[in-house]
């Protein structure tokens, strides 16, 4: 897609993403959301997030980063369905992120 901005988590953020909040460290989901996802989604019609190359993701990181787009940053889940492209070799990871976005929309997000 033209005008698609790409974020490579492992190369641009961390190979060791983890934690929910800024207080949990420099590689937290809150920091990734606030410093990478939100600015990119506001500046570009679509954002591709390459999730491969890290040593894994904790549920708290994923829920805060992606579910937080709806809950904290005010994005609509239907808009994220169109503008957020998840690129990963792990099918379950993409499904999990979409579930966190849907749960945040429904107000069911939990802080793990």
PDB file of N, CA and C in Angstrom:
ATOM      1  N   UNK A   1       0.839  -1.178   0.000  1.00  0.00           N
ATOM      2  CA  UNK A   1       0.000   0.000   0.000  1.00  0.00           C
ATOM      3  C   UNK A   1       0.887   1.246   0.000  1.00  0.00           C
ATOM      4  N   UNK A   2       0.567   2.175  -0.850  1.00  0.00           N
ATOM      5  CA  UNK A   2       1.311   3.415  -0.937  1.00  0.00           C
ATOM      6  C   UNK A   2       1.117   4.222   0.342  1.00  0.00           C
ATOM      7  N   UNK A   3       2.143   4.971   0.716  1.00  0.00           N
ATOM      8  CA  UNK A   3       2.111   5.781   1.928  1.00  0.00           C
ATOM      9  C   UNK A   3       2.015   4.958   3.206  1.00  0.00           C
ATOM     10  N   UNK A   4       2.463   3.724   3.141  1.00  0.00           N
ATOM     11  CA  UNK A   4       2.479   2.881   4.337  1.00  0.00           C
ATOM     12  C   UNK A   4       3.801   3.079   5.058  1.00  0.00           C
ATOM     13  N   UNK A   5       3.705   3.398   6.321  1.00  0.00           N
ATOM     14  CA  UNK A   5       4.888   3.557   7.173  1.00  0.00           C
ATOM     15  C   UNK A   5       5.161   2.209   7.839  1.00  0.00           C
ATOM     16  N   UNK A   6       6.419   1.811   7.903  1.00  0.00           N
ATOM     17  CA  UNK A   6       6.766   0.532   8.524  1.00  0.00           C
ATOM     18  C   UNK A   6       7.554   0.759   9.802  1.00  0.00           C
ATOM     19  N   UNK A   7       7.166   0.022  10.828  1.00  0.00           N
ATOM     20  CA  UNK A   7       7.895  -0.009  12.099  1.00  0.00           C
ATOM     21  C   UNK A   7       8.392  -1.436  12.281  1.00  0.00           C
ATOM     22  N   UNK A   8       9.692  -1.603  12.384  1.00  0.00           N
ATOM     23  CA  UNK A   8      10.279  -2.905  12.660  1.00  0.00           C
ATOM     24  C   UNK A   8      10.632  -2.914  14.147  1.00  0.00           C
ATOM     25  N   UNK A   9       9.860  -3.642  14.928  1.00  0.00           N
ATOM     26  CA  UNK A   9      10.014  -3.622  16.378  1.00  0.00           C
ATOM     27  C   UNK A   9      11.431  -3.986  16.799  1.00  0.00           C
ATOM     28  N   UNK A  10      11.963  -5.080  16.276  1.00  0.00           N
ATOM     29  CA  UNK A  10      13.288  -5.555  16.697  1.00  0.00           C
ATOM     30  C   UNK A  10      14.393  -4.571  16.330  1.00  0.00           C
ATOM     31  N   UNK A  11      14.296  -3.945  15.183  1.00  0.00           N
ATOM     32  CA  UNK A  11      15.357  -3.038  14.728  1.00  0.00           C
ATOM     33  C   UNK A  11      15.209  -1.622  15.267  1.00  0.00           C
ATOM     34  N   UNK A  12      13.982  -1.149  15.406  1.00  0.00           N
ATOM     35  CA  UNK A  12      13.765   0.250  15.786  1.00  0.00           C
ATOM     36  C   UNK A  12      13.422   0.455  17.259  1.00  0.00           C
ATOM     37  N   UNK A  13      12.939  -0.589  17.909  1.00  0.00           N
ATOM     38  CA  UNK A  13      12.518  -0.434  19.305  1.00  0.00           C
ATOM     39  C   UNK A  13      13.362  -1.304  20.226  1.00  0.00           C
ATOM     40  N   UNK A  14      13.182  -2.606  20.167  1.00  0.00           N
ATOM     41  CA  UNK A  14      13.941  -3.505  21.028  1.00  0.00           C
ATOM     42  C   UNK A  14      13.760  -4.957  20.591  1.00  0.00           C
ATOM     43  N   UNK A  15      14.818  -5.741  20.755  1.00  0.00           N
ATOM     44  CA  UNK A  15      14.697  -7.185  20.548  1.00  0.00           C
ATOM     45  C   UNK A  15      14.097  -7.847  21.787  1.00  0.00           C
ATOM     46  N   UNK A  16      13.959  -7.070  22.868  1.00  0.00           N
ATOM     47  CA  UNK A  16      13.471  -7.588  24.146  1.00  0.00           C
ATOM     48  C   UNK A  16      12.304  -6.752  24.664  1.00  0.00           C
ATOM     49  N   UNK A  17      11.228  -6.614  23.908  1.00  0.00           N
ATOM     50  CA  UNK A  17      10.106  -5.810  24.390  1.00  0.00           C
ATOM     51  C   UNK A  17       9.448  -6.480  25.592  1.00  0.00           C
ATOM     52  N   UNK A  18       9.102  -5.678  26.577  1.00  0.00           N
ATOM     53  CA  UNK A  18       8.472  -6.271  27.746  1.00  0.00           C
ATOM     54  C   UNK A  18       8.013  -5.231  28.745  1.00  0.00           C
ATOM     55  N   UNK A  19       7.080  -5.629  29.529  1.00  0.00           N
ATOM     56  CA  UNK A  19       6.504  -4.748  30.532  1.00  0.00           C
ATOM     57  C   UNK A  19       5.343  -3.957  29.964  1.00  0.00           C
ATOM     58  N   UNK A  20       4.492  -3.512  30.837  1.00  0.00           N
ATOM     59  CA  UNK A  20       3.303  -2.761  30.442  1.00  0.00           C
ATOM     60  C   UNK A  20       3.561  -1.262  30.451  1.00  0.00           C
ATOM     61  N   UNK A  21       4.041  -0.748  31.583  1.00  0.00           N
ATOM     62  CA  UNK A  21       4.125   0.696  31.804  1.00  0.00           C
ATOM     63  C   UNK A  21       5.550   1.223  31.682  1.00  0.00           C
ATOM     64  N   UNK A  22       5.654   2.533  31.532  1.00  0.00           N
ATOM     65  CA  UNK A  22       6.962   3.189  31.483  1.00  0.00           C
ATOM     66  C   UNK A  22       7.794   2.826  32.708  1.00  0.00           C
ATOM     67  N   UNK A  23       7.157   2.703  33.851  1.00  0.00           N
ATOM     68  CA  UNK A  23       7.855   2.340  35.086  1.00  0.00           C
ATOM     69  C   UNK A  23       8.470   0.941  35.015  1.00  0.00           C
ATOM     70  N   UNK A  24       7.998   0.120  34.075  1.00  0.00           N
ATOM     71  CA  UNK A  24       8.515  -1.242  33.921  1.00  0.00           C
ATOM     72  C   UNK A  24       9.801  -1.287  33.102  1.00  0.00           C
ATOM     73  N   UNK A  25      10.184  -0.166  32.496  1.00  0.00           N
ATOM     74  CA  UNK A  25      11.432  -0.125  31.750  1.00  0.00           C
ATOM     75  C   UNK A  25      11.290   0.527  30.382  1.00  0.00           C
ATOM     76  N   UNK A  26      12.428   0.700  29.746  1.00  0.00           N
ATOM     77  CA  UNK A  26      12.494   1.389  28.454  1.00  0.00           C
ATOM     78  C   UNK A  26      11.854   0.623  27.307  1.00  0.00           C
ATOM     79  N   UNK A  27      11.553  -0.631  27.486  1.00  0.00           N
ATOM     80  CA  UNK A  27      11.009  -1.459  26.406  1.00  0.00           C
ATOM     81  C   UNK A  27       9.543  -1.807  26.640  1.00  0.00           C
ATOM     82  N   UNK A  28       8.834  -0.942  27.347  1.00  0.00           N
ATOM     83  CA  UNK A  28       7.452  -1.218  27.731  1.00  0.00           C
ATOM     84  C   UNK A  28       6.460  -0.990  26.585  1.00  0.00           C
ATOM     85  N   UNK A  29       5.312  -1.613  26.717  1.00  0.00           N
ATOM     86  CA  UNK A  29       4.235  -1.431  25.757  1.00  0.00           C
ATOM     87  C   UNK A  29       3.737   0.004  25.717  1.00  0.00           C
ATOM     88  N   UNK A  30       3.700   0.651  26.880  1.00  0.00           N
ATOM     89  CA  UNK A  30       3.260   2.048  26.933  1.00  0.00           C
ATOM     90  C   UNK A  30       4.202   2.938  26.124  1.00  0.00           C
ATOM     91  N   UNK A  31       5.492   2.742  26.263  1.00  0.00           N
ATOM     92  CA  UNK A  31       6.465   3.541  25.496  1.00  0.00           C
ATOM     93  C   UNK A  31       6.347   3.255  24.001  1.00  0.00           C
ATOM     94  N   UNK A  32       6.225   1.993  23.634  1.00  0.00           N
ATOM     95  CA  UNK A  32       6.102   1.643  22.218  1.00  0.00           C
ATOM     96  C   UNK A  32       4.857   2.292  21.616  1.00  0.00           C
ATOM     97  N   UNK A  33       3.761   2.224  22.340  1.00  0.00           N
ATOM     98  CA  UNK A  33       2.526   2.846  21.859  1.00  0.00           C
ATOM     99  C   UNK A  33       2.697   4.354  21.704  1.00  0.00           C
ATOM    100  N   UNK A  34       3.167   5.014  22.750  1.00  0.00           N
ATOM    101  CA  UNK A  34       3.240   6.474  22.749  1.00  0.00           C
ATOM    102  C   UNK A  34       4.291   7.044  21.808  1.00  0.00           C
ATOM    103  N   UNK A  35       5.421   6.380  21.681  1.00  0.00           N
ATOM    104  CA  UNK A  35       6.523   6.932  20.895  1.00  0.00           C
ATOM    105  C   UNK A  35       6.608   6.397  19.469  1.00  0.00           C
ATOM    106  N   UNK A  36       5.983   5.258  19.206  1.00  0.00           N
ATOM    107  CA  UNK A  36       6.074   4.668  17.871  1.00  0.00           C
ATOM    108  C   UNK A  36       4.709   4.551  17.195  1.00  0.00           C
ATOM    109  N   UNK A  37       3.777   3.831  17.822  1.00  0.00           N
ATOM    110  CA  UNK A  37       2.498   3.559  17.173  1.00  0.00           C
ATOM    111  C   UNK A  37       1.639   4.802  16.977  1.00  0.00           C
ATOM    112  N   UNK A  38       1.402   5.546  18.037  1.00  0.00           N
ATOM    113  CA  UNK A  38       0.508   6.705  17.945  1.00  0.00           C
ATOM    114  C   UNK A  38       1.013   7.739  16.943  1.00  0.00           C
ATOM    115  N   UNK A  39       2.280   8.170  17.014  1.00  0.00           N
ATOM    116  CA  UNK A  39       2.730   9.155  16.026  1.00  0.00           C
ATOM    117  C   UNK A  39       2.637   8.641  14.583  1.00  0.00           C
ATOM    118  N   UNK A  40       2.977   7.379  14.378  1.00  0.00           N
ATOM    119  CA  UNK A  40       2.918   6.820  13.025  1.00  0.00           C
ATOM    120  C   UNK A  40       1.484   6.743  12.516  1.00  0.00           C
ATOM    121  N   UNK A  41       0.564   6.298  13.362  1.00  0.00           N
ATOM    122  CA  UNK A  41      -0.836   6.182  12.947  1.00  0.00           C
ATOM    123  C   UNK A  41      -1.477   7.547  12.702  1.00  0.00           C
ATOM    124  N   UNK A  42      -1.021   8.560  13.397  1.00  0.00           N
ATOM    125  CA  UNK A  42      -1.564   9.906  13.173  1.00  0.00           C
ATOM    126  C   UNK A  42      -0.972  10.558  11.923  1.00  0.00           C
ATOM    127  N   UNK A  43       0.220  10.146  11.526  1.00  0.00           N
ATOM    128  CA  UNK A  43       0.909  10.784  10.398  1.00  0.00           C
ATOM    129  C   UNK A  43       0.730  10.057   9.070  1.00  0.00           C
ATOM    130  N   UNK A  44       0.318   8.790   9.103  1.00  0.00           N
ATOM    131  CA  UNK A  44       0.266   7.981   7.884  1.00  0.00           C
ATOM    132  C   UNK A  44      -1.084   7.276   7.756  1.00  0.00           C
ATOM    133  N   UNK A  45      -1.541   7.083   6.516  1.00  0.00           N
ATOM    134  CA  UNK A  45      -2.820   6.390   6.319  1.00  0.00           C
ATOM    135  C   UNK A  45      -2.783   4.926   6.735  1.00  0.00           C
ATOM    136  N   UNK A  46      -1.605   4.322   6.673  1.00  0.00           N
ATOM    137  CA  UNK A  46      -1.480   2.945   7.139  1.00  0.00           C
ATOM    138  C   UNK A  46      -0.091   2.731   7.734  1.00  0.00           C
ATOM    139  N   UNK A  47      -0.041   1.834   8.703  1.00  0.00           N
ATOM    140  CA  UNK A  47       1.200   1.533   9.401  1.00  0.00           C
ATOM    141  C   UNK A  47       1.364   0.021   9.443  1.00  0.00           C
ATOM    142  N   UNK A  48       2.501  -0.431   8.949  1.00  0.00           N
ATOM    143  CA  UNK A  48       2.854  -1.858   8.997  1.00  0.00           C
ATOM    144  C   UNK A  48       3.797  -2.046  10.178  1.00  0.00           C
ATOM    145  N   UNK A  49       3.455  -2.973  11.061  1.00  0.00           N
ATOM    146  CA  UNK A  49       4.309  -3.283  12.204  1.00  0.00           C
ATOM    147  C   UNK A  49       4.880  -4.669  11.992  1.00  0.00           C
ATOM    148  N   UNK A  50       6.201  -4.718  11.780  1.00  0.00           N
ATOM    149  CA  UNK A  50       6.882  -5.995  11.646  1.00  0.00           C
ATOM    150  C   UNK A  50       7.250  -6.463  13.044  1.00  0.00           C
ATOM    151  N   UNK A  51       6.662  -7.577  13.458  1.00  0.00           N
ATOM    152  CA  UNK A  51       6.809  -8.085  14.817  1.00  0.00           C
ATOM    153  C   UNK A  51       7.875  -9.170  14.947  1.00  0.00           C
ATOM    154  N   UNK A  52       8.470  -9.591  13.848  1.00  0.00           N
ATOM    155  CA  UNK A  52       9.451 -10.674  13.883  1.00  0.00           C
ATOM    156  C   UNK A  52      10.820 -10.166  14.344  1.00  0.00           C
ATOM    157  N   UNK A  53      11.636 -11.075  14.839  1.00  0.00           N
ATOM    158  CA  UNK A  53      13.004 -10.751  15.213  1.00  0.00           C
ATOM    159  C   UNK A  53      13.229 -10.441  16.682  1.00  0.00           C
ATOM    160  N   UNK A  54      12.160 -10.420  17.474  1.00  0.00           N
ATOM    161  CA  UNK A  54      12.330 -10.220  18.919  1.00  0.00           C
ATOM    162  C   UNK A  54      12.429 -11.578  19.600  1.00  0.00           C
ATOM    163  N   UNK A  55      12.729 -11.559  20.877  1.00  0.00           N
ATOM    164  CA  UNK A  55      12.773 -12.810  21.635  1.00  0.00           C
ATOM    165  C   UNK A  55      11.433 -13.145  22.257  1.00  0.00           C
ATOM    166  N   UNK A  56      10.369 -12.556  21.729  1.00  0.00           N
ATOM    167  CA  UNK A  56       9.021 -12.850  22.202  1.00  0.00           C
ATOM    168  C   UNK A  56       8.339 -11.624  22.749  1.00  0.00           C
ATOM    169  N   UNK A  57       7.062 -11.789  23.074  1.00  0.00           N
ATOM    170  CA  UNK A  57       6.239 -10.698  23.593  1.00  0.00           C
ATOM    171  C   UNK A  57       5.422 -11.196  24.769  1.00  0.00           C
ATOM    172  N   UNK A  58       5.403 -10.411  25.812  1.00  0.00           N
ATOM    173  CA  UNK A  58       4.533 -10.707  26.937  1.00  0.00           C
ATOM    174  C   UNK A  58       3.150 -10.146  26.671  1.00  0.00           C
ATOM    175  N   UNK A  59       2.161 -10.752  27.284  1.00  0.00           N
ATOM    176  CA  UNK A  59       0.785 -10.287  27.081  1.00  0.00           C
ATOM    177  C   UNK A  59       0.599  -8.856  27.567  1.00  0.00           C
ATOM    178  N   UNK A  60       1.278  -8.474  28.637  1.00  0.00           N
ATOM    179  CA  UNK A  60       1.115  -7.112  29.154  1.00  0.00           C
ATOM    180  C   UNK A  60       1.656  -6.086  28.166  1.00  0.00           C
ATOM    181  N   UNK A  61       2.772  -6.389  27.518  1.00  0.00           N
ATOM    182  CA  UNK A  61       3.316  -5.485  26.494  1.00  0.00           C
ATOM    183  C   UNK A  61       2.323  -5.324  25.347  1.00  0.00           C
ATOM    184  N   UNK A  62       1.839  -6.442  24.825  1.00  0.00           N
ATOM    185  CA  UNK A  62       0.935  -6.405  23.673  1.00  0.00           C
ATOM    186  C   UNK A  62      -0.379  -5.717  23.991  1.00  0.00           C
ATOM    187  N   UNK A  63      -0.940  -6.019  25.142  1.00  0.00           N
ATOM    188  CA  UNK A  63      -2.221  -5.418  25.484  1.00  0.00           C
ATOM    189  C   UNK A  63      -2.086  -3.909  25.666  1.00  0.00           C
ATOM    190  N   UNK A  64      -1.032  -3.485  26.334  1.00  0.00           N
ATOM    191  CA  UNK A  64      -0.843  -2.047  26.562  1.00  0.00           C
ATOM    192  C   UNK A  64      -0.530  -1.322  25.258  1.00  0.00           C
ATOM    193  N   UNK A  65       0.335  -1.894  24.440  1.00  0.00           N
ATOM    194  CA  UNK A  65       0.713  -1.242  23.182  1.00  0.00           C
ATOM    195  C   UNK A  65      -0.462  -1.157  22.221  1.00  0.00           C
ATOM    196  N   UNK A  66      -1.152  -2.260  22.000  1.00  0.00           N
ATOM    197  CA  UNK A  66      -2.174  -2.316  20.959  1.00  0.00           C
ATOM    198  C   UNK A  66      -3.586  -2.083  21.493  1.00  0.00           C
ATOM    199  N   UNK A  67      -3.941  -2.728  22.588  1.00  0.00           N
ATOM    200  CA  UNK A  67      -5.237  -2.444  23.202  1.00  0.00           C
ATOM    201  C   UNK A  67      -5.295  -1.000  23.677  1.00  0.00           C
ATOM    202  N   UNK A  68      -4.149  -0.488  24.123  1.00  0.00           N
ATOM    203  CA  UNK A  68      -4.060   0.890  24.583  1.00  0.00           C
ATOM    204  C   UNK A  68      -4.300   1.913  23.487  1.00  0.00           C
ATOM    205  N   UNK A  69      -4.153   1.513  22.229  1.00  0.00           N
ATOM    206  CA  UNK A  69      -4.472   2.432  21.130  1.00  0.00           C
ATOM    207  C   UNK A  69      -5.930   2.853  21.192  1.00  0.00           C
ATOM    208  N   UNK A  70      -6.784   1.921  21.581  1.00  0.00           N
ATOM    209  CA  UNK A  70      -8.219   2.201  21.707  1.00  0.00           C
ATOM    210  C   UNK A  70      -8.505   2.821  23.071  1.00  0.00           C
ATOM    211  N   UNK A  71      -8.038   2.169  24.113  1.00  0.00           N
ATOM    212  CA  UNK A  71      -8.369   2.554  25.488  1.00  0.00           C
ATOM    213  C   UNK A  71      -7.731   3.877  25.908  1.00  0.00           C
ATOM    214  N   UNK A  72      -6.484   4.104  25.543  1.00  0.00           N
ATOM    215  CA  UNK A  72      -5.742   5.276  26.020  1.00  0.00           C
ATOM    216  C   UNK A  72      -5.581   6.370  24.968  1.00  0.00           C
ATOM    217  N   UNK A  73      -5.402   5.984  23.712  1.00  0.00           N
ATOM    218  CA  UNK A  73      -5.095   6.966  22.667  1.00  0.00           C
ATOM    219  C   UNK A  73      -6.316   7.377  21.851  1.00  0.00           C
ATOM    220  N   UNK A  74      -7.459   6.715  22.074  1.00  0.00           N
ATOM    221  CA  UNK A  74      -8.698   7.135  21.433  1.00  0.00           C
ATOM    222  C   UNK A  74      -8.919   6.694  20.002  1.00  0.00           C
ATOM    223  N   UNK A  75      -8.139   5.738  19.529  1.00  0.00           N
ATOM    224  CA  UNK A  75      -8.363   5.220  18.178  1.00  0.00           C
ATOM    225  C   UNK A  75      -9.593   4.323  18.169  1.00  0.00           C
ATOM    226  N   UNK A  76     -10.275   4.272  17.055  1.00  0.00           N
ATOM    227  CA  UNK A  76     -11.422   3.393  16.878  1.00  0.00           C
ATOM    228  C   UNK A  76     -10.922   2.045  16.348  1.00  0.00           C
ATOM    229  N   UNK A  77     -11.433   0.962  16.899  1.00  0.00           N
ATOM    230  CA  UNK A  77     -10.970  -0.364  16.458  1.00  0.00           C
ATOM    231  C   UNK A  77     -11.240  -0.588  14.977  1.00  0.00           C
ATOM    232  N   UNK A  78     -12.353  -0.087  14.457  1.00  0.00           N
ATOM    233  CA  UNK A  78     -12.655  -0.271  13.037  1.00  0.00           C
ATOM    234  C   UNK A  78     -11.637   0.460  12.164  1.00  0.00           C
ATOM    235  N   UNK A  79     -11.136   1.607  12.620  1.00  0.00           N
ATOM    236  CA  UNK A  79     -10.101   2.321  11.870  1.00  0.00           C
ATOM    237  C   UNK A  79      -8.783   1.562  11.918  1.00  0.00           C
ATOM    238  N   UNK A  80      -8.471   0.966  13.066  1.00  0.00           N
ATOM    239  CA  UNK A  80      -7.245   0.184  13.189  1.00  0.00           C
ATOM    240  C   UNK A  80      -7.301  -1.063  12.314  1.00  0.00           C
ATOM    241  N   UNK A  81      -8.488  -1.628  12.131  1.00  0.00           N
ATOM    242  CA  UNK A  81      -8.625  -2.785  11.242  1.00  0.00           C
ATOM    243  C   UNK A  81      -8.145  -2.445   9.833  1.00  0.00           C
ATOM    244  N   UNK A  82      -8.372  -1.206   9.431  1.00  0.00           N
ATOM    245  CA  UNK A  82      -7.967  -0.771   8.086  1.00  0.00           C
ATOM    246  C   UNK A  82      -6.537  -0.256   8.037  1.00  0.00           C
ATOM    247  N   UNK A  83      -6.109   0.459   9.059  1.00  0.00           N
ATOM    248  CA  UNK A  83      -4.835   1.174   8.966  1.00  0.00           C
ATOM    249  C   UNK A  83      -3.645   0.446   9.590  1.00  0.00           C
ATOM    250  N   UNK A  84      -3.882  -0.526  10.442  1.00  0.00           N
ATOM    251  CA  UNK A  84      -2.803  -1.228  11.131  1.00  0.00           C
ATOM    252  C   UNK A  84      -2.571  -2.592  10.483  1.00  0.00           C
ATOM    253  N   UNK A  85      -1.394  -2.759   9.905  1.00  0.00           N
ATOM    254  CA  UNK A  85      -1.022  -4.011   9.245  1.00  0.00           C
ATOM    255  C   UNK A  85      -0.006  -4.718  10.135  1.00  0.00           C
ATOM    256  N   UNK A  86      -0.341  -5.920  10.561  1.00  0.00           N
ATOM    257  CA  UNK A  86       0.554  -6.693  11.419  1.00  0.00           C
ATOM    258  C   UNK A  86       1.301  -7.701  10.566  1.00  0.00           C
ATOM    259  N   UNK A  87       2.611  -7.613  10.589  1.00  0.00           N
ATOM    260  CA  UNK A  87       3.450  -8.488   9.771  1.00  0.00           C
ATOM    261  C   UNK A  87       4.242  -9.399  10.699  1.00  0.00           C
ATOM    262  N   UNK A  88       3.944 -10.692  10.623  1.00  0.00           N
ATOM    263  CA  UNK A  88       4.620 -11.652  11.487  1.00  0.00           C
ATOM    264  C   UNK A  88       4.493 -13.050  10.909  1.00  0.00           C
ATOM    265  N   UNK A  89       5.479 -13.861  11.199  1.00  0.00           N
ATOM    266  CA  UNK A  89       5.424 -15.278  10.822  1.00  0.00           C
ATOM    267  C   UNK A  89       4.637 -16.082  11.845  1.00  0.00           C
ATOM    268  N   UNK A  90       4.257 -15.447  12.940  1.00  0.00           N
ATOM    269  CA  UNK A  90       3.528 -16.109  14.015  1.00  0.00           C
ATOM    270  C   UNK A  90       2.053 -15.716  13.925  1.00  0.00           C
ATOM    271  N   UNK A  91       1.256 -16.572  13.333  1.00  0.00           N
ATOM    272  CA  UNK A  91      -0.170 -16.295  13.127  1.00  0.00           C
ATOM    273  C   UNK A  91      -0.901 -16.004  14.441  1.00  0.00           C
ATOM    274  N   UNK A  92      -0.533 -16.704  15.489  1.00  0.00           N
ATOM    275  CA  UNK A  92      -1.173 -16.522  16.785  1.00  0.00           C
ATOM    276  C   UNK A  92      -0.924 -15.122  17.336  1.00  0.00           C
ATOM    277  N   UNK A  93       0.252 -14.583  17.089  1.00  0.00           N
ATOM    278  CA  UNK A  93       0.586 -13.244  17.573  1.00  0.00           C
ATOM    279  C   UNK A  93      -0.341 -12.193  16.966  1.00  0.00           C
ATOM    280  N   UNK A  94      -0.554 -12.258  15.673  1.00  0.00           N
ATOM    281  CA  UNK A  94      -1.474 -11.323  15.019  1.00  0.00           C
ATOM    282  C   UNK A  94      -2.890 -11.452  15.554  1.00  0.00           C
ATOM    283  N   UNK A  95      -3.342 -12.674  15.737  1.00  0.00           N
ATOM    284  CA  UNK A  95      -4.681 -12.921  16.290  1.00  0.00           C
ATOM    285  C   UNK A  95      -4.796 -12.336  17.703  1.00  0.00           C
ATOM    286  N   UNK A  96      -3.767 -12.555  18.519  1.00  0.00           N
ATOM    287  CA  UNK A  96      -3.776 -12.064  19.893  1.00  0.00           C
ATOM    288  C   UNK A  96      -3.869 -10.541  19.933  1.00  0.00           C
ATOM    289  N   UNK A  97      -3.105  -9.874  19.098  1.00  0.00           N
ATOM    290  CA  UNK A  97      -3.136  -8.405  19.056  1.00  0.00           C
ATOM    291  C   UNK A  97      -4.514  -7.914  18.634  1.00  0.00           C
ATOM    292  N   UNK A  98      -5.095  -8.516  17.617  1.00  0.00           N
ATOM    293  CA  UNK A  98      -6.442  -8.114  17.176  1.00  0.00           C
ATOM    294  C   UNK A  98      -7.473  -8.340  18.281  1.00  0.00           C
ATOM    295  N   UNK A  99      -7.288  -9.413  19.058  1.00  0.00           N
ATOM    296  CA  UNK A  99      -8.194  -9.685  20.176  1.00  0.00           C
ATOM    297  C   UNK A  99      -8.063  -8.610  21.246  1.00  0.00           C
ATOM    298  N   UNK A 100      -6.842  -8.177  21.554  1.00  0.00           N
ATOM    299  CA  UNK A 100      -6.652  -7.114  22.544  1.00  0.00           C
ATOM    300  C   UNK A 100      -7.308  -5.815  22.081  1.00  0.00           C
ATOM    301  N   UNK A 101      -7.216  -5.515  20.800  1.00  0.00           N
ATOM    302  CA  UNK A 101      -7.865  -4.310  20.270  1.00  0.00           C
ATOM    303  C   UNK A 101      -9.379  -4.437  20.411  1.00  0.00           C
ATOM    304  N   UNK A 102      -9.918  -5.591  20.064  1.00  0.00           N
ATOM    305  CA  UNK A 102     -11.367  -5.810  20.171  1.00  0.00           C
ATOM    306  C   UNK A 102     -11.831  -5.757  21.625  1.00  0.00           C
ATOM    307  N   UNK A 103     -11.058  -6.331  22.537  1.00  0.00           N
ATOM    308  CA  UNK A 103     -11.421  -6.312  23.952  1.00  0.00           C
ATOM    309  C   UNK A 103     -11.383  -4.899  24.506  1.00  0.00           C
ATOM    310  N   UNK A 104     -10.418  -4.110  24.068  1.00  0.00           N
ATOM    311  CA  UNK A 104     -10.341  -2.719  24.525  1.00  0.00           C
ATOM    312  C   UNK A 104     -11.562  -1.942  24.046  1.00  0.00           C
ATOM    313  N   UNK A 105     -12.013  -2.234  22.838  1.00  0.00           N
ATOM    314  CA  UNK A 105     -13.220  -1.591  22.293  1.00  0.00           C
ATOM    315  C   UNK A 105     -14.421  -1.939  23.161  1.00  0.00           C
ATOM    316  N   UNK A 106     -14.483  -3.190  23.572  1.00  0.00           N
ATOM    317  CA  UNK A 106     -15.630  -3.662  24.352  1.00  0.00           C
ATOM    318  C   UNK A 106     -15.493  -3.331  25.836  1.00  0.00           C
ATOM    319  N   UNK A 107     -14.366  -2.723  26.216  1.00  0.00           N
ATOM    320  CA  UNK A 107     -14.154  -2.374  27.620  1.00  0.00           C
ATOM    321  C   UNK A 107     -13.806  -3.563  28.483  1.00  0.00           C
ATOM    322  N   UNK A 108     -13.323  -4.647  27.839  1.00  0.00           N
ATOM    323  CA  UNK A 108     -13.022  -5.860  28.576  1.00  0.00           C
ATOM    324  C   UNK A 108     -11.524  -6.032  28.867  1.00  0.00           C
ATOM    325  N   UNK A 109     -10.728  -5.062  28.444  1.00  0.00           N
ATOM    326  CA  UNK A 109      -9.288  -5.203  28.615  1.00  0.00           C
ATOM    327  C   UNK A 109      -8.930  -5.347  30.087  1.00  0.00           C
ATOM    328  N   UNK A 110      -8.027  -6.240  30.344  1.00  0.00           N
ATOM    329  CA  UNK A 110      -7.571  -6.462  31.710  1.00  0.00           C
ATOM    330  C   UNK A 110      -6.100  -6.120  31.806  1.00  0.00           C
ATOM    331  N   UNK A 111      -5.683  -5.720  32.941  1.00  0.00           N
ATOM    332  CA  UNK A 111      -4.261  -5.434  33.171  1.00  0.00           C
ATOM    333  C   UNK A 111      -3.656  -6.663  33.812  1.00  0.00           C
ATOM    334  N   UNK A 112      -2.882  -7.344  33.054  1.00  0.00           N
ATOM    335  CA  UNK A 112      -2.275  -8.598  33.517  1.00  0.00           C
ATOM    336  C   UNK A 112      -0.945  -8.335  34.174  1.00  0.00           C
TER     337      UNK A 112
END
